[in-house]
C-alpha atoms as a PDB file:
ATOM      1  CA  UNK A   1     -14.570  11.037  40.347  1.00  0.00           C
ATOM      2  CA  UNK A   2     -13.098  13.801  38.106  1.00  0.00           C
ATOM      3  CA  UNK A   3     -13.623  16.374  40.996  1.00  0.00           C
ATOM      4  CA  UNK A   4     -12.293  14.569  43.515  1.00  0.00           C
ATOM      5  CA  UNK A   5      -9.086  13.921  41.578  1.00  0.00           C
ATOM      6  CA  UNK A   6      -8.671  17.649  40.333  1.00  0.00           C
ATOM      7  CA  UNK A   7      -9.223  18.492  44.595  1.00  0.00           C
ATOM      8  CA  UNK A   8      -6.047  16.375  45.122  1.00  0.00           C
ATOM      9  CA  UNK A   9      -4.008  17.788  42.566  1.00  0.00           C
ATOM     10  CA  UNK A  10      -5.242  21.480  43.837  1.00  0.00           C
ATOM     11  CA  UNK A  11      -3.974  20.355  47.120  1.00  0.00           C
ATOM     12  CA  UNK A  12      -0.763  19.571  45.915  1.00  0.00           C
ATOM     13  CA  UNK A  13       0.088  22.632  44.429  1.00  0.00           C
ATOM     14  CA  UNK A  14      -0.772  24.661  47.511  1.00  0.00           C
ATOM     15  CA  UNK A  15       1.395  22.229  49.568  1.00  0.00           C
ATOM     16  CA  UNK A  16       4.213  24.828  49.680  1.00  0.00           C
ATOM     17  CA  UNK A  17       2.047  27.711  50.719  1.00  0.00           C
ATOM     18  CA  UNK A  18       0.430  25.941  53.419  1.00  0.00           C
ATOM     19  CA  UNK A  19       3.427  24.156  54.948  1.00  0.00           C
ATOM     20  CA  UNK A  20       4.196  27.439  57.598  1.00  0.00           C
ATOM     21  CA  UNK A  21       0.453  27.258  59.064  1.00  0.00           C
ATOM     22  CA  UNK A  22       0.841  23.617  59.840  1.00  0.00           C
ATOM     23  CA  UNK A  23       2.519  25.110  63.115  1.00  0.00           C
ATOM     24  CA  UNK A  24      -0.483  26.969  64.203  1.00  0.00           C
ATOM     25  CA  UNK A  25      -2.981  24.386  63.467  1.00  0.00           C
ATOM     26  CA  UNK A  26      -1.683  21.121  65.531  1.00  0.00           C
ATOM     27  CA  UNK A  27      -4.463  19.071  65.215  1.00  0.00           C
ATOM     28  CA  UNK A  28      -4.614  19.399  61.166  1.00  0.00           C
ATOM     29  CA  UNK A  29      -3.139  17.599  58.889  1.00  0.00           C
ATOM     30  CA  UNK A  30      -0.262  18.357  57.246  1.00  0.00           C
ATOM     31  CA  UNK A  31      -2.199  19.409  53.828  1.00  0.00           C
ATOM     32  CA  UNK A  32      -5.491  21.100  53.651  1.00  0.00           C
ATOM     33  CA  UNK A  33      -7.385  19.968  50.486  1.00  0.00           C
ATOM     34  CA  UNK A  34     -10.049  21.832  49.208  1.00  0.00           C
ATOM     35  CA  UNK A  35     -13.918  20.824  49.445  1.00  0.00           C
ATOM     36  CA  UNK A  36     -14.418  19.219  46.224  1.00  0.00           C
ATOM     37  CA  UNK A  37     -16.178  20.934  43.217  1.00  0.00           C
ATOM     38  CA  UNK A  38     -18.929  19.857  40.417  1.00  0.00           C
ATOM     39  CA  UNK A  39     -19.698  21.926  37.904  1.00  0.00           C
ATOM     40  CA  UNK A  40     -23.054  22.928  36.537  1.00  0.00           C
ATOM     41  CA  UNK A  41     -24.080  23.447  32.804  1.00  0.00           C
ATOM     42  CA  UNK A  42     -26.325  26.972  32.936  1.00  0.00           C
ATOM     43  CA  UNK A  43     -27.508  29.092  30.000  1.00  0.00           C
ATOM     44  CA  UNK A  44     -26.109  32.671  29.987  1.00  0.00           C
ATOM     45  CA  UNK A  45     -27.700  35.365  28.007  1.00  0.00           C
ATOM     46  CA  UNK A  46     -25.147  37.721  26.084  1.00  0.00           C
ATOM     47  CA  UNK A  47     -25.305  40.471  23.350  1.00  0.00           C
ATOM     48  CA  UNK A  48     -23.856  40.738  20.228  1.00  0.00           C
ATOM     49  CA  UNK A  49     -23.741  43.999  17.652  1.00  0.00           C
ATOM     50  CA  UNK A  50     -25.278  43.811  14.559  1.00  0.00           C
ATOM     51  CA  UNK A  51     -25.394  46.034  11.942  1.00  0.00           C
ATOM     52  CA  UNK A  52     -29.512  46.761  10.090  1.00  0.00           C
ATOM     53  CA  UNK A  53     -30.087  48.644   7.254  1.00  0.00           C
ATOM     54  CA  UNK A  54     -33.243  50.803   7.042  1.00  0.00           C
ATOM     55  CA  UNK A  55     -34.967  53.190   4.869  1.00  0.00           C
ATOM     56  CA  UNK A  56     -36.422  56.830   5.524  1.00  0.00           C
ATOM     57  CA  UNK A  57     -38.217  58.940   3.392  1.00  0.00           C
ATOM     58  CA  UNK A  58     -36.443  62.275   2.237  1.00  0.00           C
ATOM     59  CA  UNK A  59     -37.899  64.844  -0.069  1.00  0.00           C
ATOM     60  CA  UNK A  60     -35.775  65.992  -2.910  1.00  0.00           C
ATOM     61  CA  UNK A  61     -36.171  68.631  -5.661  1.00  0.00           C
ATOM     62  CA  UNK A  62     -35.175  67.172  -9.267  1.00  0.00           C
ATOM     63  CA  UNK A  63     -34.691  69.354 -12.431  1.00  0.00           C
ATOM     64  CA  UNK A  64     -36.156  67.459 -15.198  1.00  0.00           C
ATOM     65  CA  UNK A  65     -35.927  68.412 -19.089  1.00  0.00           C
ATOM     66  CA  UNK A  66     -39.317  67.955 -20.350  1.00  0.00           C
ATOM     67  CA  UNK A  67     -39.196  68.068 -24.456  1.00  0.00           C
ATOM     68  CA  UNK A  68     -41.980  70.163 -26.674  1.00  0.00           C
ATOM     69  CA  UNK A  69     -42.987  70.301 -29.874  1.00  0.00           C
ATOM     70  CA  UNK A  70     -43.429  73.542 -31.870  1.00  0.00           C
ATOM     71  CA  UNK A  71     -44.324  74.196 -35.330  1.00  0.00           C
ATOM     72  CA  UNK A  72     -42.769  76.315 -37.340  1.00  0.00           C
ATOM     73  CA  UNK A  73     -42.841  77.484 -41.005  1.00  0.00           C
ATOM     74  CA  UNK A  74     -39.355  77.225 -43.011  1.00  0.00           C
ATOM     75  CA  UNK A  75     -38.789  78.851 -46.547  1.00  0.00           C
ATOM     76  CA  UNK A  76     -36.503  77.397 -48.900  1.00  0.00           C
ATOM     77  CA  UNK A  77     -35.307  77.242 -52.542  1.00  0.00           C
ATOM     78  CA  UNK A  78     -36.055  74.113 -54.553  1.00  0.00           C
ATOM     79  CA  UNK A  79     -35.069  73.495 -57.943  1.00  0.00           C
ATOM     80  CA  UNK A  80     -38.149  72.193 -60.436  1.00  0.00           C
ATOM     81  CA  UNK A  81     -36.924  70.089 -63.110  1.00  0.00           C
ATOM     82  CA  UNK A  82     -38.156  71.205 -66.625  1.00  0.00           C
ATOM     83  CA  UNK A  83     -37.877  69.075 -69.807  1.00  0.00           C
ATOM     84  CA  UNK A  84     -37.976  71.175 -73.354  1.00  0.00           C
ATOM     85  CA  UNK A  85     -36.896  69.768 -77.073  1.00  0.00           C
ATOM     86  CA  UNK A  86     -33.895  70.358 -78.992  1.00  0.00           C
ATOM     87  CA  UNK A  87     -33.056  69.736 -82.557  1.00  0.00           C
ATOM     88  CA  UNK A  88     -29.625  68.412 -83.093  1.00  0.00           C
ATOM     89  CA  UNK A  89     -27.334  67.092 -86.211  1.00  0.00           C
ATOM     90  CA  UNK A  90     -24.878  64.254 -86.063  1.00  0.00           C
ATOM     91  CA  UNK A  91     -22.533  62.449 -89.000  1.00  0.00           C
ATOM     92  CA  UNK A  92     -22.770  58.656 -88.773  1.00  0.00           C
ATOM     93  CA  UNK A  93     -20.838  55.825 -90.727  1.00  0.00           C
ATOM     94  CA  UNK A  94     -23.464  53.864 -93.160  1.00  0.00           C
ATOM     95  CA  UNK A  95     -21.940  50.303 -93.951  1.00  0.00           C
ATOM     96  CA  UNK A  96     -22.789  48.431 -97.504  1.00  0.00           C
ATOM     97  CA  UNK A  97     -20.496  45.613 -99.408  1.00  0.00           C
ATOM     98  CA  UNK A  98     -18.798  45.155-102.478  1.00  0.00           C
ATOM     99  CA  UNK A  99     -17.904  42.129-104.088  1.00  0.00           C
ATOM    100  CA  UNK A 100     -14.361  41.446-105.276  1.00  0.00           C
ATOM    101  CA  UNK A 101     -12.650  38.936-107.235  1.00  0.00           C
ATOM    102  CA  UNK A 102      -9.401  37.715-105.711  1.00  0.00           C
ATOM    103  CA  UNK A 103      -6.351  34.833-106.566  1.00  0.00           C
ATOM    104  CA  UNK A 104      -4.569  32.785-103.807  1.00  0.00           C
ATOM    105  CA  UNK A 105      -2.083  29.484-104.187  1.00  0.00           C
ATOM    106  CA  UNK A 106      -3.009  26.588-102.482  1.00  0.00           C
ATOM    107  CA  UNK A 107      -0.947  24.080-101.596  1.00  0.00           C
ATOM    108  CA  UNK A 108      -2.995  20.220-103.122  1.00  0.00           C
ATOM    109  CA  UNK A 109      -1.205  16.788-101.540  1.00  0.00           C
ATOM    110  CA  UNK A 110      -0.935  13.670-104.217  1.00  0.00           C
ATOM    111  CA  UNK A 111      -0.056  10.379-102.278  1.00  0.00           C
ATOM    112  CA  UNK A 112       2.047   7.674-104.427  1.00  0.00           C
ATOM    113  CA  UNK A 113       3.099   4.151-103.030  1.00  0.00           C
ATOM    114  CA  UNK A 114       6.617   3.321-102.310  1.00  0.00           C
ATOM    115  CA  UNK A 115       8.064   0.035-100.587  1.00  0.00           C
ATOM    116  CA  UNK A 116      10.497  -0.083 -98.151  1.00  0.00           C
ATOM    117  CA  UNK A 117      12.452  -2.568 -95.804  1.00  0.00           C
ATOM    118  CA  UNK A 118      12.864  -2.682 -92.251  1.00  0.00           C
ATOM    119  CA  UNK A 119      14.782  -4.866 -89.892  1.00  0.00           C
ATOM    120  CA  UNK A 120      12.498  -6.057 -86.618  1.00  0.00           C
ATOM    121  CA  UNK A 121      13.681  -7.964 -83.520  1.00  0.00           C
ATOM    122  CA  UNK A 122      11.993 -11.313 -83.323  1.00  0.00           C
ATOM    123  CA  UNK A 123      11.810 -12.734 -80.040  1.00  0.00           C
ATOM    124  CA  UNK A 124      13.363 -16.692 -79.510  1.00  0.00           C
ATOM    125  CA  UNK A 125      12.086 -18.657 -76.003  1.00  0.00           C
ATOM    126  CA  UNK A 126      14.745 -21.731 -74.848  1.00  0.00           C
ATOM    127  CA  UNK A 127      15.657 -23.119 -71.373  1.00  0.00           C
ATOM    128  CA  UNK A 128      18.150 -22.943 -69.766  1.00  0.00           C
ATOM    129  CA  UNK A 129      19.883 -24.581 -66.514  1.00  0.00           C
ATOM    130  CA  UNK A 130      20.487 -22.193 -63.808  1.00  0.00           C
ATOM    131  CA  UNK A 131      22.173 -22.915 -60.108  1.00  0.00           C
ATOM    132  CA  UNK A 132      21.386 -20.487 -57.447  1.00  0.00           C
ATOM    133  CA  UNK A 133      22.097 -20.511 -53.824  1.00  0.00           C
ATOM    134  CA  UNK A 134      19.537 -20.669 -50.712  1.00  0.00           C
ATOM    135  CA  UNK A 135      19.739 -19.741 -47.276  1.00  0.00           C
ATOM    136  CA  UNK A 136      18.096 -22.949 -44.830  1.00  0.00           C
ATOM    137  CA  UNK A 137      17.215 -21.657 -41.650  1.00  0.00           C
ATOM    138  CA  UNK A 138      18.417 -23.830 -38.744  1.00  0.00           C
ATOM    139  CA  UNK A 139      18.336 -23.500 -34.700  1.00  0.00           C
ATOM    140  CA  UNK A 140      21.037 -24.459 -31.937  1.00  0.00           C
ATOM    141  CA  UNK A 141      20.538 -23.990 -28.271  1.00  0.00           C
ATOM    142  CA  UNK A 142      23.013 -22.152 -26.033  1.00  0.00           C
ATOM    143  CA  UNK A 143      22.926 -21.662 -22.022  1.00  0.00           C
ATOM    144  CA  UNK A 144      23.421 -17.983 -21.026  1.00  0.00           C
ATOM    145  CA  UNK A 145      23.204 -16.269 -17.738  1.00  0.00           C
ATOM    146  CA  UNK A 146      21.490 -13.068 -16.821  1.00  0.00           C
ATOM    147  CA  UNK A 147      20.842 -10.976 -13.284  1.00  0.00           C
ATOM    148  CA  UNK A 148      17.135  -9.988 -12.305  1.00  0.00           C
ATOM    149  CA  UNK A 149      16.067  -7.860  -9.629  1.00  0.00           C
ATOM    150  CA  UNK A 150      13.371  -9.403  -7.281  1.00  0.00           C
ATOM    151  CA  UNK A 151      11.087  -7.425  -5.203  1.00  0.00           C
ATOM    152  CA  UNK A 152      12.012  -8.469  -1.355  1.00  0.00           C
ATOM    153  CA  UNK A 153      10.511  -6.398   1.678  1.00  0.00           C
ATOM    154  CA  UNK A 154      12.918  -5.431   4.918  1.00  0.00           C
ATOM    155  CA  UNK A 155      11.290  -4.265   8.163  1.00  0.00           C
ATOM    156  CA  UNK A 156      13.095  -0.814   9.720  1.00  0.00           C
ATOM    157  CA  UNK A 157      12.607   1.120  12.698  1.00  0.00           C
ATOM    158  CA  UNK A 158      12.024   4.520  12.846  1.00  0.00           C
ATOM    159  CA  UNK A 159      11.107   7.785  14.938  1.00  0.00           C
ATOM    160  CA  UNK A 160       8.625  10.209  14.881  1.00  0.00           C
ATOM    161  CA  UNK A 161       6.978  12.998  16.682  1.00  0.00           C
ATOM    162  CA  UNK A 162       3.243  12.628  17.695  1.00  0.00           C
ATOM    163  CA  UNK A 163       1.342  15.686  18.810  1.00  0.00           C
ATOM    164  CA  UNK A 164      -1.071  14.969  21.840  1.00  0.00           C
ATOM    165  CA  UNK A 165      -3.276  17.693  23.050  1.00  0.00           C
ATOM    166  CA  UNK A 166      -4.198  17.593  27.086  1.00  0.00           C
ATOM    167  CA  UNK A 167      -6.792  20.132  28.428  1.00  0.00           C
ATOM    168  CA  UNK A 168      -6.385  21.772  31.150  1.00  0.00           C
ATOM    169  CA  UNK A 169      -8.659  24.304  33.267  1.00  0.00           C
ATOM    170  CA  UNK A 170      -8.246  28.120  32.727  1.00  0.00           C
ATOM    171  CA  UNK A 171      -9.943  30.310  34.523  1.00  0.00           C
ATOM    172  CA  UNK A 172     -11.711  33.480  32.933  1.00  0.00           C
ATOM    173  CA  UNK A 173     -13.313  36.590  33.744  1.00  0.00           C
ATOM    174  CA  UNK A 174     -16.803  35.471  33.897  1.00  0.00           C
ATOM    175  CA  UNK A 175     -16.162  33.186  37.117  1.00  0.00           C
ATOM    176  CA  UNK A 176     -16.338  29.960  34.596  1.00  0.00           C
ATOM    177  CA  UNK A 177     -14.035  27.715  34.165  1.00  0.00           C
ATOM    178  CA  UNK A 178     -12.808  26.478  30.414  1.00  0.00           C
ATOM    179  CA  UNK A 179     -10.362  24.228  29.145  1.00  0.00           C
ATOM    180  CA  UNK A 180      -8.001  25.249  26.974  1.00  0.00           C
ATOM    181  CA  UNK A 181      -5.974  22.415  24.777  1.00  0.00           C
ATOM    182  CA  UNK A 182      -2.220  22.425  25.597  1.00  0.00           C
ATOM    183  CA  UNK A 183      -0.299  20.440  22.453  1.00  0.00           C
ATOM    184  CA  UNK A 184       2.393  17.587  24.084  1.00  0.00           C
ATOM    185  CA  UNK A 185       4.929  16.125  21.627  1.00  0.00           C
ATOM    186  CA  UNK A 186       6.610  13.409  22.123  1.00  0.00           C
ATOM    187  CA  UNK A 187       9.120  10.868  20.086  1.00  0.00           C
ATOM    188  CA  UNK A 188       7.647   7.518  19.239  1.00  0.00           C
ATOM    189  CA  UNK A 189       8.929   4.431  17.348  1.00  0.00           C
ATOM    190  CA  UNK A 190       7.316   2.588  14.958  1.00  0.00           C
ATOM    191  CA  UNK A 191       8.227  -0.424  12.315  1.00  0.00           C
ATOM    192  CA  UNK A 192       7.815   0.225   8.630  1.00  0.00           C
ATOM    193  CA  UNK A 193       7.979  -2.400   5.830  1.00  0.00           C
ATOM    194  CA  UNK A 194      10.823  -0.916   2.741  1.00  0.00           C
ATOM    195  CA  UNK A 195      10.861  -2.791  -0.261  1.00  0.00           C
ATOM    196  CA  UNK A 196      14.088  -3.244  -2.096  1.00  0.00           C
ATOM    197  CA  UNK A 197      15.350  -5.129  -4.907  1.00  0.00           C
ATOM    198  CA  UNK A 198      18.169  -7.876  -4.323  1.00  0.00           C
ATOM    199  CA  UNK A 199      19.665  -9.200  -7.616  1.00  0.00           C
ATOM    200  CA  UNK A 200      19.834 -13.130  -8.532  1.00  0.00           C
ATOM    201  CA  UNK A 201      21.051 -15.058 -11.352  1.00  0.00           C
ATOM    202  CA  UNK A 202      19.257 -17.205 -13.690  1.00  0.00           C
ATOM    203  CA  UNK A 203      20.349 -19.842 -16.230  1.00  0.00           C
ATOM    204  CA  UNK A 204      18.065 -20.018 -19.503  1.00  0.00           C
ATOM    205  CA  UNK A 205      18.581 -21.520 -22.542  1.00  0.00           C
ATOM    206  CA  UNK A 206      17.988 -19.873 -26.066  1.00  0.00           C
ATOM    207  CA  UNK A 207      17.485 -21.130 -29.269  1.00  0.00           C
ATOM    208  CA  UNK A 208      19.739 -18.989 -31.960  1.00  0.00           C
ATOM    209  CA  UNK A 209      18.663 -18.935 -35.485  1.00  0.00           C
ATOM    210  CA  UNK A 210      21.472 -19.925 -37.911  1.00  0.00           C
ATOM    211  CA  UNK A 211      21.226 -20.149 -41.585  1.00  0.00           C
ATOM    212  CA  UNK A 212      23.544 -22.165 -43.871  1.00  0.00           C
ATOM    213  CA  UNK A 213      23.771 -22.377 -47.846  1.00  0.00           C
ATOM    214  CA  UNK A 214      22.880 -24.807 -50.341  1.00  0.00           C
ATOM    215  CA  UNK A 215      23.345 -24.985 -54.035  1.00  0.00           C
ATOM    216  CA  UNK A 216      20.466 -26.195 -56.154  1.00  0.00           C
ATOM    217  CA  UNK A 217      19.272 -26.145 -59.968  1.00  0.00           C
ATOM    218  CA  UNK A 218      16.727 -25.087 -61.992  1.00  0.00           C
ATOM    219  CA  UNK A 219      15.351 -24.809 -65.698  1.00  0.00           C
ATOM    220  CA  UNK A 220      14.014 -21.145 -66.631  1.00  0.00           C
ATOM    221  CA  UNK A 221      12.875 -19.888 -69.758  1.00  0.00           C
ATOM    222  CA  UNK A 222      15.439 -17.479 -71.684  1.00  0.00           C
ATOM    223  CA  UNK A 223      14.166 -14.939 -74.407  1.00  0.00           C
ATOM    224  CA  UNK A 224      16.550 -13.739 -76.961  1.00  0.00           C
ATOM    225  CA  UNK A 225      15.411 -11.441 -80.091  1.00  0.00           C
ATOM    226  CA  UNK A 226      16.746 -12.544 -83.684  1.00  0.00           C
ATOM    227  CA  UNK A 227      16.680  -9.816 -86.545  1.00  0.00           C
ATOM    228  CA  UNK A 228      14.894 -10.368 -89.626  1.00  0.00           C
ATOM    229  CA  UNK A 229      14.090  -8.212 -92.690  1.00  0.00           C
ATOM    230  CA  UNK A 230      10.543  -7.567 -93.595  1.00  0.00           C
ATOM    231  CA  UNK A 231       9.283  -5.613 -96.564  1.00  0.00           C
ATOM    232  CA  UNK A 232       6.524  -2.968 -96.544  1.00  0.00           C
ATOM    233  CA  UNK A 233       4.002  -0.756 -98.716  1.00  0.00           C
ATOM    234  CA  UNK A 234       3.783   2.992 -97.724  1.00  0.00           C
ATOM    235  CA  UNK A 235       1.775   5.958 -99.148  1.00  0.00           C
ATOM    236  CA  UNK A 236       3.960   9.071 -99.616  1.00  0.00           C
ATOM    237  CA  UNK A 237       2.411  12.390 -99.663  1.00  0.00           C
ATOM    238  CA  UNK A 238       3.609  14.625-102.882  1.00  0.00           C
ATOM    239  CA  UNK A 239       2.969  18.270-102.630  1.00  0.00           C
ATOM    240  CA  UNK A 240       1.838  20.573-105.770  1.00  0.00           C
ATOM    241  CA  UNK A 241       0.707  24.176-106.012  1.00  0.00           C
ATOM    242  CA  UNK A 242      -2.116  25.142-107.551  1.00  0.00           C
ATOM    243  CA  UNK A 243      -3.678  29.090-107.716  1.00  0.00           C
ATOM    244  CA  UNK A 244      -7.156  29.700-107.718  1.00  0.00           C
ATOM    245  CA  UNK A 245      -9.803  32.226-108.125  1.00  0.00           C
ATOM    246  CA  UNK A 246     -12.546  33.269-105.552  1.00  0.00           C
ATOM    247  CA  UNK A 247     -15.091  35.820-104.716  1.00  0.00           C
ATOM    248  CA  UNK A 248     -15.380  37.748-101.303  1.00  0.00           C
ATOM    249  CA  UNK A 249     -17.681  40.659-100.024  1.00  0.00           C
ATOM    250  CA  UNK A 250     -15.843  43.596 -98.734  1.00  0.00           C
ATOM    251  CA  UNK A 251     -17.295  45.962 -96.262  1.00  0.00           C
ATOM    252  CA  UNK A 252     -17.001  49.816 -96.820  1.00  0.00           C
ATOM    253  CA  UNK A 253     -18.765  52.747 -95.046  1.00  0.00           C
ATOM    254  CA  UNK A 254     -19.779  56.192 -96.684  1.00  0.00           C
ATOM    255  CA  UNK A 255     -20.577  59.493 -94.037  1.00  0.00           C
ATOM    256  CA  UNK A 256     -24.217  60.358 -94.042  1.00  0.00           C
ATOM    257  CA  UNK A 257     -25.980  63.214 -91.877  1.00  0.00           C
ATOM    258  CA  UNK A 258     -28.919  62.539 -89.845  1.00  0.00           C
ATOM    259  CA  UNK A 259     -31.100  65.196 -88.160  1.00  0.00           C
ATOM    260  CA  UNK A 260     -32.830  63.832 -84.409  1.00  0.00           C
ATOM    261  CA  UNK A 261     -34.365  65.555 -81.432  1.00  0.00           C
ATOM    262  CA  UNK A 262     -33.789  64.992 -77.681  1.00  0.00           C
ATOM    263  CA  UNK A 263     -35.167  65.645 -74.368  1.00  0.00           C
ATOM    264  CA  UNK A 264     -32.956  68.457 -72.502  1.00  0.00           C
ATOM    265  CA  UNK A 265     -33.500  68.719 -68.768  1.00  0.00           C
ATOM    266  CA  UNK A 266     -33.343  72.103 -67.044  1.00  0.00           C
ATOM    267  CA  UNK A 267     -33.609  73.092 -63.714  1.00  0.00           C
ATOM    268  CA  UNK A 268     -35.709  76.484 -62.566  1.00  0.00           C
ATOM    269  CA  UNK A 269     -35.734  77.822 -58.802  1.00  0.00           C
ATOM    270  CA  UNK A 270     -39.081  77.613 -56.575  1.00  0.00           C
ATOM    271  CA  UNK A 271     -39.378  79.297 -53.307  1.00  0.00           C
ATOM    272  CA  UNK A 272     -41.669  77.239 -50.919  1.00  0.00           C
ATOM    273  CA  UNK A 273     -43.161  77.497 -47.431  1.00  0.00           C
ATOM    274  CA  UNK A 274     -42.671  74.346 -45.142  1.00  0.00           C
ATOM    275  CA  UNK A 275     -43.836  73.683 -41.708  1.00  0.00           C
ATOM    276  CA  UNK A 276     -41.480  71.385 -39.803  1.00  0.00           C
ATOM    277  CA  UNK A 277     -41.969  70.641 -35.960  1.00  0.00           C
ATOM    278  CA  UNK A 278     -39.192  71.991 -33.733  1.00  0.00           C
ATOM    279  CA  UNK A 279     -38.619  69.889 -30.451  1.00  0.00           C
ATOM    280  CA  UNK A 280     -37.442  72.273 -27.665  1.00  0.00           C
ATOM    281  CA  UNK A 281     -36.221  71.413 -24.237  1.00  0.00           C
ATOM    282  CA  UNK A 282     -37.839  73.355 -21.207  1.00  0.00           C
ATOM    283  CA  UNK A 283     -36.465  72.572 -17.305  1.00  0.00           C
ATOM    284  CA  UNK A 284     -38.906  72.069 -14.845  1.00  0.00           C
ATOM    285  CA  UNK A 285     -38.271  71.720 -11.054  1.00  0.00           C
ATOM    286  CA  UNK A 286     -40.284  68.895  -9.030  1.00  0.00           C
ATOM    287  CA  UNK A 287     -40.306  67.310  -5.891  1.00  0.00           C
ATOM    288  CA  UNK A 288     -39.631  63.728  -5.735  1.00  0.00           C
ATOM    289  CA  UNK A 289     -39.860  61.520  -2.360  1.00  0.00           C
ATOM    290  CA  UNK A 290     -36.753  58.909  -2.193  1.00  0.00           C
ATOM    291  CA  UNK A 291     -36.171  55.664   0.390  1.00  0.00           C
ATOM    292  CA  UNK A 292     -32.917  56.587   1.748  1.00  0.00           C
ATOM    293  CA  UNK A 293     -30.827  53.950   3.197  1.00  0.00           C
ATOM    294  CA  UNK A 294     -29.200  54.295   6.579  1.00  0.00           C
ATOM    295  CA  UNK A 295     -27.314  52.042   9.106  1.00  0.00           C
ATOM    296  CA  UNK A 296     -28.443  51.157  12.512  1.00  0.00           C
ATOM    297  CA  UNK A 297     -26.062  49.215  15.414  1.00  0.00           C
ATOM    298  CA  UNK A 298     -28.494  46.916  17.296  1.00  0.00           C
ATOM    299  CA  UNK A 299     -27.775  44.694  20.402  1.00  0.00           C
ATOM    300  CA  UNK A 300     -28.892  41.047  19.322  1.00  0.00           C
ATOM    301  CA  UNK A 301     -29.195  38.772  22.184  1.00  0.00           C
ATOM    302  CA  UNK A 302     -28.183  35.027  22.120  1.00  0.00           C
ATOM    303  CA  UNK A 303     -27.632  32.537  24.612  1.00  0.00           C
ATOM    304  CA  UNK A 304     -24.443  30.190  25.251  1.00  0.00           C
ATOM    305  CA  UNK A 305     -23.898  27.183  27.216  1.00  0.00           C
ATOM    306  CA  UNK A 306     -20.944  27.699  30.133  1.00  0.00           C
ATOM    307  CA  UNK A 307     -19.915  25.347  32.624  1.00  0.00           C
ATOM    308  CA  UNK A 308     -19.961  27.066  36.474  1.00  0.00           C
ATOM    309  CA  UNK A 309     -17.982  25.572  39.278  1.00  0.00           C
ATOM    310  CA  UNK A 310     -20.303  24.591  42.596  1.00  0.00           C
ATOM    311  CA  UNK A 311     -18.547  24.120  45.844  1.00  0.00           C
ATOM    312  CA  UNK A 312     -19.698  20.955  47.958  1.00  0.00           C
ATOM    313  CA  UNK A 313     -20.549  22.168  51.627  1.00  0.00           C
END
């Protein structure tokens, strides 16, 4: 059915070109319809280039540095420590103590009793009536108005562009009809619901708190201070000076010469022969076989399924 409709459309397109030849063929119709076409799917083998990495062996000359250890004799002069005894003298201070008598004046405290008077405040408590104000809470009702926003929905008609893709046949170089997509844009109308807020006035009753004053009476204790004289006895210190004698040990020093021996360290030079290992680097040429990568372009076959038109006889 699809091939038949395609044949009719193809005949309509070639109508202007065939109208001139209609007079030469009076027994034919005004429009010559082409033969119906059917499409057949076939598998075609194609080739695509592909890069492939391979390796080959190459001989290269490498210069290697090989360390070699050699024993060498080295002469060096060292200082050998030696010890010797030496007599020295020094003067030291020898401490000794001497007893001495000394005098000092000290203060001795005596105590005597004495009577004194002081005035103290004695607390006296009594009850007194006192008036005070209190605030008593109460409520009164009041009507008020408020405007609230109620959500609502209205229908609105809008337009938008819609793109529709049609498939049209395209003839390529491989004599196979391939369809390509052609976008077509048209405007369509649609309905949408738009939410909005509409104001609505409402009445509501509120309770307003109020306060009223009330005078109350209470009896509270009041404390006052009354002065009172008291007599008390205190001990008063009386200082007096006394001279006393005491013995003390006095430290003194006297010079004294002493002899002592010390060990003094000296150094004498001495030549020694030492065998030490010395590392010498020697260069050696060596042939090495390495694998070197290289790139080769290969034609890789792959299969593709195409639709080929076949005209019916």
